[in-house]
């Protein structure tokens, strides 16, 4: 239906131009117009011009698609037969498990509501009530309305001077995701209470009922099984924040997160677990986080340890210094500069685990099924997406192809794509061209969720945004579809990762 409307609109535009010129010419020449002239010039001619234009566009599209296929398809065809990434073949199918995903954006306080609002297209960035540009005009922003800065608990933290406005807003945004993930992690840790731990050891009969069954029909303990049972569960809290924030402001955020996780840490300690490791090094770019996670996934695949990773990403561009900095370097979206960035803000969190944790706790306690997160694929464009001229999609096609290959998923028309692509035509055209090459016939207007178009530029928070909303998309499909989370907002970095329901979630803990 959308395609028909576009064709009709094109005919009307061409027709209006032809009519204006024809009527003007007739008036100037004093020509006697008959029925043949009216039909020929006002109906047939616009139709011929519009049809020729559509035919030319179709031919150009086919030529581009053929050229892209010649370059990319050989790699795509072989990626299913051979590992897409170098290294130990046993690690190519390594993966992490997403136990929960939490989001707080301008369109919703959680992942499911944010996804629904983004997909609806009913909300767009609007004029900001407080921030202005150099001309004194309100800027466009994706502000979280009525954000209660008291949620930041700044008064409870050890600091005399007030933090920057962006930091205060970020701390308020973080509260909901931290509490949600803490509740999820606590529900799993409760299975590891001292009483339950003793019961789990049980008798030989109890062990045999949940052990591996061999040809003899008898379950046996193995050294690896015993080691997996006795090794303590390690967990890490990773916080992603802008490197531009002062050390004092970063410490303030960490202190706030620590206070909100205090109850979980106490319970974990009571269960014999060590205190979590804290990692707070700001990433150089939002996309680089996925290379860091890939290192975690490979280590989990090699070591087979039960580990958990609570990752948080937060950022806010809704303060005057940030707006002034963006405008000074020509990066702010304005009426005169519509390829600039729209300031946004968000807090995103994910609770990840190694597959080995599946054998220590029962994932049925989770509110949603665990999500299998395949190894992410990170590639870099040779040419900036902001450069003049056509923006090719070859790198993005290769990124998405490899991401599906390492997940063991074949491209299909049922694929859901969640991306950070925003209002910039270069990002949208690159993404749509890549999808048509990867899955010819896919309808991007239906199966692609462009978060950046609604949420603006959320800075460091976009490290996790596409993946978190991708998890929500899988849950919304009741596990029937695979989501491909992609990053295209950067000028050079391209990231893709596949998300699907964990097919081993019903495994019995050992």
Protein backbone atom coordinates (compact mmCIF):
# COMPACT_ATOMS: atom_id res chain seq x y z
CA UNK A 1 0.00 0.00 0.00
CA UNK A 2 2.85 2.36 0.86
CA UNK A 3 4.50 1.72 -2.50
CA UNK A 4 1.25 2.56 -4.36
CA UNK A 5 0.92 5.83 -2.45
CA UNK A 6 4.49 6.77 -3.36
CA UNK A 7 3.80 6.12 -7.04
CA UNK A 8 0.60 8.19 -6.93
CA UNK A 9 2.44 10.99 -5.15
CA UNK A 10 5.21 10.94 -7.76
CA UNK A 11 2.64 11.12 -10.59
CA UNK A 12 0.89 14.06 -8.95
CA UNK A 13 4.17 15.96 -8.52
CA UNK A 14 5.21 15.32 -12.12
CA UNK A 15 1.70 16.05 -13.31
CA UNK A 16 1.57 19.38 -11.50
CA UNK A 17 4.85 20.48 -13.07
CA UNK A 18 3.75 19.40 -16.56
CA UNK A 19 0.36 21.04 -16.21
CA UNK A 20 1.85 24.35 -15.05
CA UNK A 21 4.32 24.45 -17.93
CA UNK A 22 1.76 23.30 -20.52
CA UNK A 23 -0.95 25.74 -19.48
CA UNK A 24 1.59 28.55 -19.41
CA UNK A 25 2.80 27.62 -22.90
CA UNK A 26 -0.73 27.43 -24.27
CA UNK A 27 -1.57 30.81 -22.83
CA UNK A 28 1.55 32.43 -24.24
CA UNK A 29 1.13 30.92 -27.70
CA UNK A 30 -2.64 31.41 -27.92
CA UNK A 31 -3.07 27.83 -29.07
CA UNK A 32 -6.52 26.39 -29.71
CA UNK A 33 -6.73 23.40 -27.40
CA UNK A 34 -8.81 20.37 -28.29
CA UNK A 35 -9.57 17.09 -26.48
CA UNK A 36 -6.53 15.38 -28.00
CA UNK A 37 -4.21 18.03 -26.59
CA UNK A 38 -5.76 17.77 -23.13
CA UNK A 39 -5.42 13.99 -23.01
CA UNK A 40 -1.93 13.97 -24.54
CA UNK A 41 -0.33 16.76 -22.52
CA UNK A 42 -2.24 16.60 -19.22
CA UNK A 43 -2.61 12.82 -18.81
CA UNK A 44 -0.36 10.80 -21.10
CA UNK A 45 2.76 12.96 -20.86
CA UNK A 46 2.88 13.04 -17.00
CA UNK A 47 2.33 9.29 -16.96
CA UNK A 48 5.18 8.69 -19.42
CA UNK A 49 7.58 10.96 -17.50
CA UNK A 50 6.69 9.40 -14.11
CA UNK A 51 6.97 5.90 -15.56
CA UNK A 52 10.35 6.65 -17.07
CA UNK A 53 11.57 8.03 -13.77
CA UNK A 54 10.41 4.93 -11.88
CA UNK A 55 11.99 2.67 -14.48
CA UNK A 56 15.30 4.51 -14.15
CA UNK A 57 15.23 4.23 -10.35
CA UNK A 58 14.41 0.52 -10.60
CA UNK A 59 17.31 -0.05 -13.01
CA UNK A 60 19.76 1.82 -10.78
CA UNK A 61 18.60 -0.18 -7.76
CA UNK A 62 19.11 -3.47 -9.61
CA UNK A 63 22.58 -2.45 -10.77
CA UNK A 64 23.60 -1.48 -7.22
CA UNK A 65 22.17 -4.67 -5.75
CA UNK A 66 23.98 -6.81 -8.32
CA UNK A 67 27.27 -5.06 -7.64
CA UNK A 68 26.87 -5.50 -3.90
CA UNK A 69 26.02 -9.18 -4.30
CA UNK A 70 29.11 -9.79 -6.39
CA UNK A 71 31.21 -8.50 -3.53
CA UNK A 72 29.33 -9.76 -0.49
CA UNK A 73 27.45 -12.92 -1.39
CA UNK A 74 30.53 -15.18 -1.65
CA UNK A 75 31.42 -14.31 1.94
CA UNK A 76 27.82 -14.78 3.01
CA UNK A 77 27.64 -18.21 1.35
CA UNK A 78 30.84 -19.45 2.91
CA UNK A 79 30.12 -18.01 6.34
CA UNK A 80 27.63 -20.83 7.00
CA UNK A 81 30.12 -23.51 6.02
CA UNK A 82 33.12 -22.03 7.81
CA UNK A 83 33.48 -19.92 10.96
CA UNK A 84 32.85 -16.26 10.35
CA UNK A 85 35.46 -15.29 12.88
CA UNK A 86 39.03 -16.43 13.32
CA UNK A 87 40.17 -18.50 16.24
CA UNK A 88 39.24 -21.76 17.88
CA UNK A 89 36.29 -23.34 16.08
CA UNK A 90 34.82 -24.45 19.39
CA UNK A 91 34.37 -20.80 20.35
CA UNK A 92 32.47 -19.74 17.23
CA UNK A 93 29.15 -20.77 18.79
CA UNK A 94 30.03 -19.34 22.19
CA UNK A 95 27.36 -17.06 23.57
CA UNK A 96 26.09 -15.17 26.56
CA UNK A 97 22.64 -15.33 28.11
CA UNK A 98 20.52 -12.26 28.70
CA UNK A 99 18.58 -12.77 31.91
CA UNK A 100 16.93 -9.36 31.89
CA UNK A 101 17.03 -6.05 30.05
CA UNK A 102 15.98 -2.70 31.50
CA UNK A 103 15.49 0.59 29.70
CA UNK A 104 14.45 4.12 30.66
CA UNK A 105 13.91 6.46 27.72
CA UNK A 106 11.80 9.46 26.82
CA UNK A 107 9.01 7.15 25.62
CA UNK A 108 8.92 4.59 28.42
CA UNK A 109 10.36 3.46 31.77
CA UNK A 110 11.04 -0.10 30.62
CA UNK A 111 12.12 -2.06 27.55
CA UNK A 112 8.71 -3.33 26.42
CA UNK A 113 6.94 0.04 26.58
CA UNK A 114 9.88 1.83 24.95
CA UNK A 115 9.88 -0.69 22.10
CA UNK A 116 6.14 -0.34 21.56
CA UNK A 117 6.30 3.46 21.45
CA UNK A 118 9.27 3.48 19.10
CA UNK A 119 7.53 1.04 16.75
CA UNK A 120 4.28 3.03 16.83
CA UNK A 121 5.96 6.10 15.39
CA UNK A 122 3.56 8.28 17.36
CA UNK A 123 6.33 10.16 19.18
CA UNK A 124 9.12 12.23 17.71
CA UNK A 125 11.68 14.63 19.22
CA UNK A 126 10.08 18.00 19.93
CA UNK A 127 11.05 21.51 20.92
CA UNK A 128 12.85 21.48 24.25
CA UNK A 129 11.19 23.54 27.01
CA UNK A 130 14.51 24.75 28.47
CA UNK A 131 17.46 24.54 26.08
CA UNK A 132 18.11 27.02 23.27
CA UNK A 133 20.60 27.44 20.45
CA UNK A 134 22.87 30.42 19.74
CA UNK A 135 19.95 32.30 18.17
CA UNK A 136 17.82 31.94 21.27
CA UNK A 137 15.51 29.43 19.61
CA UNK A 138 14.46 26.22 21.35
CA UNK A 139 16.31 23.15 20.12
CA UNK A 140 14.84 19.77 19.26
CA UNK A 141 15.40 17.13 21.92
CA UNK A 142 14.22 13.75 23.16
CA UNK A 143 13.86 14.72 26.82
CA UNK A 144 12.42 12.43 29.48
CA UNK A 145 9.48 14.51 30.66
CA UNK A 146 8.86 15.09 34.36
CA UNK A 147 12.05 13.32 35.41
CA UNK A 148 12.23 13.46 39.20
CA UNK A 149 15.77 14.52 40.02
CA UNK A 150 15.12 13.54 43.63
CA UNK A 151 15.45 9.98 42.36
CA UNK A 152 19.15 10.67 41.97
CA UNK A 153 19.52 10.58 45.78
CA UNK A 154 22.22 13.19 45.46
CA UNK A 155 21.61 14.47 48.94
CA UNK A 156 22.43 11.06 50.38
CA UNK A 157 25.81 10.88 48.67
CA UNK A 158 29.11 12.21 50.05
CA UNK A 159 29.64 15.34 48.01
CA UNK A 160 29.27 18.99 48.82
CA UNK A 161 29.01 20.56 45.36
CA UNK A 162 26.19 19.78 43.00
CA UNK A 163 26.98 17.62 39.97
CA UNK A 164 26.43 18.74 36.39
CA UNK A 165 22.82 18.72 35.21
CA UNK A 166 23.54 15.88 32.76
CA UNK A 167 24.93 13.77 35.61
CA UNK A 168 21.95 14.49 37.86
CA UNK A 169 19.54 13.46 35.11
CA UNK A 170 21.59 10.35 34.35
CA UNK A 171 21.47 9.25 37.97
CA UNK A 172 17.71 9.70 38.07
CA UNK A 173 17.38 7.71 34.84
CA UNK A 174 19.47 4.89 36.28
CA UNK A 175 17.32 4.20 39.29
CA UNK A 176 14.61 2.20 37.51
CA UNK A 177 16.95 -0.07 35.50
CA UNK A 178 19.20 -0.73 38.50
CA UNK A 179 16.26 -1.69 40.70
CA UNK A 180 14.79 -3.96 38.02
CA UNK A 181 18.04 -5.81 37.39
CA UNK A 182 18.74 -6.04 41.11
CA UNK A 183 15.36 -7.68 41.65
CA UNK A 184 16.00 -10.18 38.87
CA UNK A 185 19.45 -11.06 40.17
CA UNK A 186 18.10 -11.38 43.71
CA UNK A 187 15.41 -13.83 42.53
CA UNK A 188 18.16 -16.09 41.21
CA UNK A 189 20.46 -15.66 44.19
CA UNK A 190 17.65 -16.70 46.53
CA UNK A 191 18.03 -20.17 45.07
CA UNK A 192 21.54 -20.17 46.49
CA UNK A 193 20.63 -19.54 50.11
CA UNK A 194 22.56 -21.71 52.57
CA UNK A 195 19.49 -23.89 53.23
CA UNK A 196 18.85 -24.47 49.58
CA UNK A 197 22.50 -25.10 48.89
CA UNK A 198 22.54 -27.91 51.46
CA UNK A 199 19.37 -29.43 50.04
CA UNK A 200 20.84 -29.33 46.58
CA UNK A 201 23.76 -31.44 47.71
CA UNK A 202 21.31 -34.03 48.89
CA UNK A 203 21.68 -37.76 48.63
CA UNK A 204 23.00 -39.88 45.85
CA UNK A 205 19.42 -40.51 44.75
CA UNK A 206 18.75 -36.80 44.49
CA UNK A 207 21.96 -36.28 42.55
CA UNK A 208 21.17 -39.05 40.10
CA UNK A 209 17.74 -37.60 39.27
CA UNK A 210 19.32 -34.46 37.84
CA UNK A 211 22.61 -35.86 36.56
CA UNK A 212 23.69 -36.79 33.09
CA UNK A 213 22.51 -40.20 31.91
CA UNK A 214 25.00 -42.51 30.21
CA UNK A 215 24.61 -45.80 28.27
CA UNK A 216 24.44 -47.70 31.50
CA UNK A 217 21.44 -45.62 32.49
CA UNK A 218 23.23 -44.40 35.60
CA UNK A 219 24.22 -40.82 36.35
CA UNK A 220 27.76 -40.28 37.58
CA UNK A 221 29.57 -37.40 39.06
CA UNK A 222 32.58 -36.34 37.05
CA UNK A 223 35.45 -34.13 38.17
CA UNK A 224 34.19 -31.36 35.87
CA UNK A 225 30.65 -31.67 37.27
CA UNK A 226 31.93 -31.49 40.81
CA UNK A 227 34.13 -28.51 40.01
CA UNK A 228 31.19 -26.72 38.42
CA UNK A 229 29.10 -27.33 41.54
CA UNK A 230 31.71 -26.13 44.01
CA UNK A 231 33.26 -23.15 42.20
CA UNK A 232 31.85 -19.89 43.52
CA UNK A 233 29.74 -17.82 41.17
CA UNK A 234 31.63 -14.72 40.12
CA UNK A 235 29.84 -11.55 39.15
CA UNK A 236 30.84 -8.15 37.83
CA UNK A 237 29.19 -4.75 37.70
CA UNK A 238 30.22 -2.77 34.60
CA UNK A 239 29.18 0.86 34.27
CA UNK A 240 29.47 2.77 30.99
CA UNK A 241 29.53 6.56 31.26
CA UNK A 242 30.83 9.43 29.11
CA UNK A 243 34.56 9.99 29.32
CA UNK A 244 33.82 13.73 29.30
CA UNK A 245 32.34 13.58 32.81
CA UNK A 246 34.68 14.57 35.59
CA UNK A 247 36.16 11.91 37.84
CA UNK A 248 34.11 13.32 40.73
CA UNK A 249 30.88 12.97 38.74
CA UNK A 250 31.78 9.42 37.71
CA UNK A 251 32.48 8.52 41.32
CA UNK A 252 29.11 9.95 42.27
CA UNK A 253 27.32 7.68 39.81
CA UNK A 254 29.24 4.64 41.03
CA UNK A 255 28.43 5.49 44.62
CA UNK A 256 24.73 5.75 43.75
CA UNK A 257 24.73 2.38 41.99
CA UNK A 258 26.59 0.78 44.89
CA UNK A 259 24.00 2.01 47.35
CA UNK A 260 21.15 0.64 45.26
CA UNK A 261 22.83 -2.76 44.93
CA UNK A 262 23.76 -3.00 48.61
CA UNK A 263 21.00 -5.48 49.48
CA UNK A 264 21.94 -7.76 46.59
CA UNK A 265 25.62 -7.66 47.53
CA UNK A 266 24.76 -8.52 51.15
CA UNK A 267 22.65 -11.49 50.08
CA UNK A 268 25.33 -12.75 47.71
CA UNK A 269 27.90 -12.52 50.49
CA UNK A 270 25.61 -14.50 52.79
CA UNK A 271 25.47 -17.21 50.11
CA UNK A 272 29.25 -17.50 50.09
CA UNK A 273 29.79 -15.47 46.94
CA UNK A 274 32.56 -12.93 46.67
CA UNK A 275 31.78 -9.24 46.35
CA UNK A 276 31.28 -8.12 42.77
CA UNK A 277 34.11 -6.71 40.73
CA UNK A 278 33.50 -3.11 39.70
CA UNK A 279 34.58 -1.88 36.27
CA UNK A 280 34.02 1.80 35.51
CA UNK A 281 36.42 2.65 32.69
CA UNK A 282 34.50 4.91 30.23
CA UNK A 283 34.49 3.47 26.69
CA UNK A 284 36.20 5.36 23.90
CA UNK A 285 33.08 4.88 21.75
CA UNK A 286 29.68 3.35 22.49
CA UNK A 287 30.35 0.57 19.96
CA UNK A 288 33.65 -0.57 21.48
CA UNK A 289 31.77 -2.17 24.38
CA UNK A 290 30.85 -5.09 22.13
CA UNK A 291 34.49 -5.99 21.55
CA UNK A 292 34.87 -6.06 25.32
CA UNK A 293 31.84 -8.34 25.68
CA UNK A 294 33.15 -10.64 22.96
CA UNK A 295 36.26 -11.16 25.07
CA UNK A 296 34.01 -12.13 28.00
CA UNK A 297 32.05 -14.58 25.85
CA UNK A 298 35.19 -16.26 24.53
CA UNK A 299 36.57 -16.62 28.05
CA UNK A 300 33.28 -18.06 29.27
CA UNK A 301 33.37 -20.56 26.42
CA UNK A 302 36.91 -21.65 27.27
CA UNK A 303 36.62 -21.80 31.06
CA UNK A 304 33.02 -22.92 31.52
CA UNK A 305 32.67 -20.94 34.76
CA UNK A 306 29.38 -19.73 36.21
CA UNK A 307 29.59 -15.95 36.00
CA UNK A 308 27.20 -13.03 35.77
CA UNK A 309 27.70 -9.54 34.38
CA UNK A 310 25.46 -6.62 35.31
CA UNK A 311 26.14 -3.95 32.71
CA UNK A 312 24.75 -0.40 32.89
CA UNK A 313 25.03 2.40 30.32
CA UNK A 314 23.78 5.92 30.90
CA UNK A 315 24.08 9.32 29.28
CA UNK A 316 22.21 12.59 28.95
CA UNK A 317 22.82 15.43 26.53
CA UNK A 318 20.13 17.58 28.09
CA UNK A 319 22.28 20.34 29.58
CA UNK A 320 23.58 23.66 28.26
CA UNK A 321 27.31 22.82 28.05
CA UNK A 322 26.60 19.77 25.89
CA UNK A 323 24.28 21.69 23.55
CA UNK A 324 26.81 24.51 23.21
CA UNK A 325 29.62 22.06 22.48
CA UNK A 326 27.59 20.25 19.83
CA UNK A 327 26.60 23.48 18.11
CA UNK A 328 30.14 24.87 18.20
CA UNK A 329 31.43 21.90 16.18
CA UNK A 330 28.42 21.77 13.86
CA UNK A 331 26.91 18.57 15.31
CA UNK A 332 23.62 19.96 16.66
CA UNK A 333 20.39 19.42 14.74
CA UNK A 334 18.86 22.75 13.73
CA UNK A 335 16.58 24.00 10.97
CA UNK A 336 19.70 25.03 9.06
CA UNK A 337 21.65 21.87 9.86
CA UNK A 338 19.29 18.91 9.63
CA UNK A 339 22.04 16.31 9.48
CA UNK A 340 23.07 17.15 13.03
CA UNK A 341 22.37 15.16 16.19
CA UNK A 342 19.24 15.47 18.31
CA UNK A 343 20.12 15.51 22.04
CA UNK A 344 18.61 12.59 23.90
CA UNK A 345 19.04 10.71 27.15
CA UNK A 346 18.59 7.17 28.36
CA UNK A 347 19.67 4.58 30.89
CA UNK A 348 19.98 0.96 29.79
CA UNK A 349 20.96 -2.12 31.73
CA UNK A 350 21.34 -5.82 30.99
CA UNK A 351 21.94 -8.79 33.25
CA UNK A 352 24.12 -11.29 31.39
CA UNK A 353 25.48 -14.65 32.40
CA UNK A 354 27.72 -17.38 31.12
CA UNK A 355 25.94 -20.55 29.93
CA UNK A 356 27.40 -22.39 32.91
CA UNK A 357 25.14 -20.44 35.28
CA UNK A 358 22.22 -22.34 33.74
CA UNK A 359 23.44 -25.39 35.62
CA UNK A 360 23.55 -23.65 39.00
CA UNK A 361 20.18 -21.90 39.16
CA UNK A 362 16.74 -22.48 37.66
CA UNK A 363 16.01 -19.88 35.00
CA UNK A 364 12.28 -20.56 35.33
CA UNK A 365 12.35 -17.96 38.10
CA UNK A 366 12.91 -15.27 35.46
CA UNK A 367 10.02 -13.06 34.41
CA UNK A 368 10.91 -13.67 30.73
CA UNK A 369 12.76 -16.53 29.02
CA UNK A 370 16.51 -16.18 28.86
CA UNK A 371 17.84 -14.78 25.58
CA UNK A 372 20.78 -16.28 23.74
CA UNK A 373 23.16 -13.48 22.72
CA UNK A 374 25.55 -14.73 20.06
CA UNK A 375 29.03 -13.33 19.70
CA UNK A 376 28.86 -9.77 18.37
CA UNK A 377 30.56 -8.86 15.11
CA UNK A 378 32.36 -5.52 14.94
CA UNK A 379 33.69 -4.17 11.63
CA UNK A 380 34.81 -0.75 10.46
CA UNK A 381 33.90 1.16 7.30
CA UNK A 382 36.73 2.41 5.11
CA UNK A 383 34.77 5.54 4.21
CA UNK A 384 32.93 7.74 6.69
CA UNK A 385 29.16 7.53 6.47
CA UNK A 386 29.14 11.32 6.72
CA UNK A 387 31.31 11.80 3.63
CA UNK A 388 29.86 13.34 0.50
CA UNK A 389 28.56 10.98 -2.14
CA UNK A 390 26.87 7.63 -1.98
CA UNK A 391 27.10 5.66 1.29
CA UNK A 392 27.76 2.02 0.41
CA UNK A 393 26.41 -0.85 2.49
CA UNK A 394 29.08 -3.48 1.86
CA UNK A 395 30.57 -3.32 5.38
CA UNK A 396 27.18 -3.44 7.05
CA UNK A 397 26.10 -6.40 4.91
CA UNK A 398 29.23 -8.30 5.92
CA UNK A 399 28.69 -7.39 9.58
CA UNK A 400 25.09 -8.62 9.59
CA UNK A 401 25.97 -11.74 7.57
CA UNK A 402 28.68 -12.78 10.02
CA UNK A 403 26.46 -12.04 13.03
CA UNK A 404 23.77 -14.40 11.72
CA UNK A 405 26.38 -17.01 10.78
CA UNK A 406 27.97 -17.21 14.24
CA UNK A 407 24.48 -17.55 15.70
CA UNK A 408 23.65 -20.37 13.30
CA UNK A 409 20.70 -18.42 11.92
CA UNK A 410 19.90 -18.22 8.22
CA UNK A 411 18.64 -14.88 6.84
CA UNK A 412 14.86 -14.98 6.46
CA UNK A 413 11.89 -12.73 5.87
CA UNK A 414 10.91 -13.23 9.54
CA UNK A 415 14.03 -11.44 10.76
CA UNK A 416 13.46 -8.49 13.09
CA UNK A 417 16.02 -5.68 13.03
CA UNK A 418 16.47 -3.21 15.88
CA UNK A 419 18.90 -0.43 15.15
CA UNK A 420 20.13 2.87 16.52
CA UNK A 421 19.65 4.51 13.09
CA UNK A 422 18.31 8.04 13.42
CA UNK A 423 16.78 10.68 11.14
CA UNK A 424 19.83 10.97 8.89
CA UNK A 425 19.16 9.67 5.40
CA UNK A 426 22.69 8.26 5.08
CA UNK A 427 22.13 5.83 7.95
CA UNK A 428 18.68 4.76 6.82
CA UNK A 429 19.68 4.22 3.19
CA UNK A 430 22.74 2.20 4.22
CA UNK A 431 20.63 -0.01 6.49
CA UNK A 432 17.82 -0.55 3.98
CA UNK A 433 20.26 -1.34 1.16
CA UNK A 434 22.06 -3.85 3.40
CA UNK A 435 18.80 -5.57 4.30
CA UNK A 436 17.69 -5.83 0.68
CA UNK A 437 21.03 -7.43 -0.15
CA UNK A 438 20.94 -9.77 2.84
CA UNK A 439 17.24 -10.68 2.66
CA UNK A 440 15.75 -9.67 -0.70
CA UNK A 441 12.06 -8.91 -0.37
CA UNK A 442 12.14 -7.89 3.28
CA UNK A 443 9.93 -4.91 4.14
CA UNK A 444 12.10 -2.50 6.14
CA UNK A 445 9.14 -0.30 6.99
CA UNK A 446 7.60 -3.18 8.95
CA UNK A 447 10.51 -5.24 10.26
CA UNK A 448 12.99 -2.51 11.16
CA UNK A 449 12.80 -0.57 14.43
CA UNK A 450 14.87 2.64 14.25
CA UNK A 451 15.33 3.72 17.85
CA UNK A 452 17.48 6.75 17.07
CA UNK A 453 14.72 8.34 15.00
CA UNK A 454 12.56 8.58 18.13
CA UNK A 455 15.06 8.70 20.99
CA UNK A 456 17.68 10.93 19.42
CA UNK A 457 21.37 10.53 20.20
CA UNK A 458 21.60 8.93 23.65
CA UNK A 459 25.39 8.90 23.66
CA UNK A 460 27.04 6.12 25.62
CA UNK A 461 23.63 4.62 26.40
CA UNK A 462 23.32 3.46 22.81
CA UNK A 463 25.99 0.87 23.67
CA UNK A 464 23.18 -1.33 24.98
CA UNK A 465 20.04 0.28 23.58
CA UNK A 466 19.64 -1.75 20.37
CA UNK A 467 20.38 -5.03 22.16
CA UNK A 468 17.99 -4.30 25.04
CA UNK A 469 15.17 -3.34 22.68
CA UNK A 470 16.05 -6.39 20.58
CA UNK A 471 15.50 -8.60 23.63
CA UNK A 472 12.12 -6.93 24.14
CA UNK A 473 11.28 -7.64 20.49
CA UNK A 474 12.08 -11.35 20.96
CA UNK A 475 9.95 -11.49 24.11
CA UNK A 476 7.11 -9.67 22.33
CA UNK A 477 7.20 -12.31 19.58
CA UNK A 478 6.98 -15.00 22.30
CA UNK A 479 10.30 -16.36 21.17
CA UNK A 480 9.14 -17.12 17.65
CA UNK A 481 11.46 -14.65 15.89
CA UNK A 482 15.14 -13.75 15.88
CA UNK A 483 16.20 -10.14 16.42
CA UNK A 484 19.30 -8.64 14.84
CA UNK A 485 20.57 -5.65 16.82
CA UNK A 486 22.68 -3.30 14.72
CA UNK A 487 24.70 -0.14 15.29
CA UNK A 488 24.93 2.32 12.37
CA UNK A 489 24.86 5.71 14.07
CA UNK A 490 28.65 5.94 14.18
CA UNK A 491 30.50 7.33 11.18
CA UNK A 492 32.71 4.23 10.85
CA UNK A 493 31.96 1.45 13.37
CA UNK A 494 29.35 -1.18 12.48
CA UNK A 495 28.15 -3.75 15.02
CA UNK A 496 25.61 -6.56 14.70
CA UNK A 497 24.52 -9.33 17.07
CA UNK A 498 21.78 -11.94 16.93
CA UNK A 499 19.28 -12.48 19.75
CA UNK A 500 17.00 -15.50 20.16
CA UNK A 501 15.28 -17.43 22.93
CA UNK A 502 17.67 -19.81 24.68
CA UNK A 503 16.79 -23.32 23.50
CA UNK A 504 18.33 -24.87 26.62
CA UNK A 505 16.45 -22.79 29.18
CA UNK A 506 14.61 -25.83 30.53
CA UNK A 507 17.83 -27.56 31.45
CA UNK A 508 17.83 -28.96 35.00
CA UNK A 509 20.40 -27.35 37.30
CA UNK A 510 23.03 -29.78 38.51
